[in-house]
N, C-alpha and C. Protein backbone atom coordinates (compact mmCIF):
# COMPACT_ATOMS: atom_id res chain seq x y z
N MET A 1 36.02 39.37 63.85
CA MET A 1 37.15 40.16 64.25
C MET A 1 37.68 40.91 63.02
N PRO A 2 37.78 42.23 63.07
CA PRO A 2 38.32 43.00 61.95
C PRO A 2 39.77 42.58 61.68
N THR A 3 40.08 42.38 60.43
CA THR A 3 41.40 41.90 60.03
C THR A 3 41.99 42.83 58.99
N ALA A 4 43.30 43.06 59.10
CA ALA A 4 44.03 43.85 58.10
C ALA A 4 45.09 42.96 57.48
N VAL A 5 45.32 43.14 56.19
CA VAL A 5 46.37 42.40 55.48
C VAL A 5 47.29 43.42 54.84
N ALA A 6 48.58 43.25 55.05
CA ALA A 6 49.60 44.05 54.38
C ALA A 6 50.40 43.09 53.52
N ASN A 7 50.29 43.24 52.23
CA ASN A 7 50.97 42.34 51.30
C ASN A 7 52.17 43.07 50.70
N PHE A 8 53.35 42.55 50.97
CA PHE A 8 54.59 43.22 50.58
C PHE A 8 55.24 42.55 49.38
N GLY A 9 55.67 43.38 48.43
CA GLY A 9 56.48 42.94 47.31
C GLY A 9 55.89 41.78 46.55
N GLU A 10 56.69 40.74 46.41
CA GLU A 10 56.31 39.58 45.62
C GLU A 10 55.62 38.49 46.43
N ASP A 11 55.36 38.74 47.72
CA ASP A 11 54.63 37.74 48.50
C ASP A 11 53.25 37.54 47.90
N VAL A 12 52.74 36.34 48.03
CA VAL A 12 51.43 36.02 47.47
C VAL A 12 50.42 35.97 48.61
N ALA A 13 49.40 36.78 48.51
CA ALA A 13 48.28 36.74 49.45
C ALA A 13 47.02 36.69 48.61
N ILE A 14 46.25 35.65 48.78
CA ILE A 14 45.05 35.45 47.98
C ILE A 14 43.86 36.02 48.74
N ARG A 15 43.41 37.17 48.30
CA ARG A 15 42.34 37.87 49.01
C ARG A 15 41.08 37.02 49.13
N HIS A 16 40.71 36.34 48.08
CA HIS A 16 39.50 35.51 48.10
C HIS A 16 39.55 34.51 49.25
N TRP A 17 40.67 33.86 49.45
CA TRP A 17 40.80 32.88 50.53
C TRP A 17 40.81 33.57 51.88
N ALA A 18 41.50 34.69 51.98
CA ALA A 18 41.57 35.41 53.25
C ALA A 18 40.18 35.85 53.70
N GLU A 19 39.37 36.30 52.76
CA GLU A 19 38.03 36.79 53.09
C GLU A 19 37.04 35.68 53.44
N GLN A 20 37.37 34.45 53.10
CA GLN A 20 36.47 33.33 53.44
C GLN A 20 36.46 33.05 54.93
N VAL A 21 37.56 33.29 55.61
CA VAL A 21 37.65 32.95 57.03
C VAL A 21 37.95 34.14 57.93
N ASN A 22 38.04 35.34 57.36
CA ASN A 22 38.34 36.55 58.12
C ASN A 22 37.42 37.68 57.69
N THR A 23 37.27 38.66 58.54
CA THR A 23 36.54 39.87 58.20
C THR A 23 37.59 40.91 57.80
N VAL A 24 37.98 40.90 56.54
CA VAL A 24 39.03 41.79 56.06
C VAL A 24 38.45 43.19 55.86
N VAL A 25 38.95 44.13 56.66
CA VAL A 25 38.48 45.51 56.57
C VAL A 25 39.54 46.43 55.98
N ARG A 26 40.75 45.92 55.85
CA ARG A 26 41.84 46.70 55.26
C ARG A 26 42.77 45.74 54.52
N TRP A 27 43.07 46.08 53.27
CA TRP A 27 43.99 45.29 52.46
C TRP A 27 44.94 46.26 51.79
N THR A 28 46.22 46.16 52.12
CA THR A 28 47.21 47.09 51.58
C THR A 28 48.25 46.32 50.77
N GLU A 29 48.49 46.77 49.56
CA GLU A 29 49.52 46.18 48.69
C GLU A 29 50.71 47.13 48.64
N PHE A 30 51.89 46.62 48.93
CA PHE A 30 53.12 47.41 48.85
C PHE A 30 53.98 46.85 47.72
N ASP A 31 54.65 47.73 46.99
CA ASP A 31 55.45 47.29 45.85
C ASP A 31 56.88 46.92 46.24
N ARG A 32 57.23 47.13 47.49
CA ARG A 32 58.56 46.73 47.94
C ARG A 32 58.43 46.00 49.28
N GLY A 33 59.53 45.44 49.72
CA GLY A 33 59.49 44.62 50.93
C GLY A 33 59.30 43.17 50.53
N GLY A 34 59.10 42.34 51.48
CA GLY A 34 58.94 40.92 51.20
C GLY A 34 58.40 40.19 52.41
N HIS A 35 58.75 38.93 52.49
CA HIS A 35 58.23 38.06 53.54
C HIS A 35 58.61 38.56 54.94
N PHE A 36 59.76 39.20 55.06
CA PHE A 36 60.21 39.71 56.35
C PHE A 36 60.06 41.23 56.38
N ALA A 37 58.85 41.69 56.16
CA ALA A 37 58.56 43.13 56.04
C ALA A 37 58.98 43.92 57.27
N ALA A 38 58.85 43.35 58.45
CA ALA A 38 59.22 44.08 59.66
C ALA A 38 60.70 44.42 59.69
N LEU A 39 61.52 43.62 59.04
CA LEU A 39 62.95 43.89 58.95
C LEU A 39 63.30 44.70 57.71
N GLU A 40 62.58 44.43 56.61
CA GLU A 40 62.90 45.06 55.33
C GLU A 40 62.31 46.46 55.17
N GLU A 41 61.09 46.65 55.62
CA GLU A 41 60.38 47.93 55.47
C GLU A 41 59.63 48.27 56.75
N PRO A 42 60.35 48.45 57.85
CA PRO A 42 59.66 48.66 59.14
C PRO A 42 58.78 49.90 59.18
N ASP A 43 59.19 50.97 58.51
CA ASP A 43 58.38 52.20 58.53
C ASP A 43 57.06 52.01 57.81
N LEU A 44 57.08 51.31 56.67
CA LEU A 44 55.83 51.04 55.94
C LEU A 44 54.89 50.19 56.78
N LEU A 45 55.42 49.14 57.37
CA LEU A 45 54.59 48.25 58.18
C LEU A 45 54.02 48.97 59.39
N ALA A 46 54.86 49.71 60.10
CA ALA A 46 54.39 50.43 61.29
C ALA A 46 53.30 51.44 60.94
N SER A 47 53.48 52.14 59.84
CA SER A 47 52.48 53.11 59.41
C SER A 47 51.15 52.42 59.09
N ASP A 48 51.21 51.29 58.42
CA ASP A 48 49.99 50.56 58.07
C ASP A 48 49.29 50.04 59.33
N VAL A 49 50.05 49.53 60.27
CA VAL A 49 49.46 49.04 61.53
C VAL A 49 48.81 50.20 62.30
N ARG A 50 49.47 51.36 62.32
CA ARG A 50 48.90 52.52 63.01
C ARG A 50 47.59 52.96 62.37
N GLU A 51 47.57 53.02 61.04
CA GLU A 51 46.36 53.46 60.34
C GLU A 51 45.22 52.46 60.59
N PHE A 52 45.51 51.18 60.56
CA PHE A 52 44.48 50.17 60.83
C PHE A 52 43.96 50.31 62.26
N SER A 53 44.88 50.45 63.22
CA SER A 53 44.47 50.57 64.62
C SER A 53 43.62 51.81 64.85
N ALA A 54 43.98 52.90 64.21
CA ALA A 54 43.20 54.14 64.36
C ALA A 54 41.79 53.98 63.81
N SER A 55 41.64 53.17 62.78
CA SER A 55 40.31 52.99 62.19
C SER A 55 39.37 52.18 63.09
N LEU A 56 39.92 51.52 64.09
CA LEU A 56 39.10 50.70 64.99
C LEU A 56 38.55 51.49 66.16
N ARG A 57 38.99 52.70 66.34
CA ARG A 57 38.53 53.51 67.48
C ARG A 57 37.14 54.02 67.27
């Protein structure tokens, strides 16, 4: 299953571990936002989700 990761601000996402159990096809690092990205940076998150979804067509 194609997987996308959006890593916001100071949250820790370990790509090596994510890729061991997922098919990571998109990895995006954002310099702002945090654990509650949907509340803190909704436009950034929505844009990233749209771009990922479009790539699956």
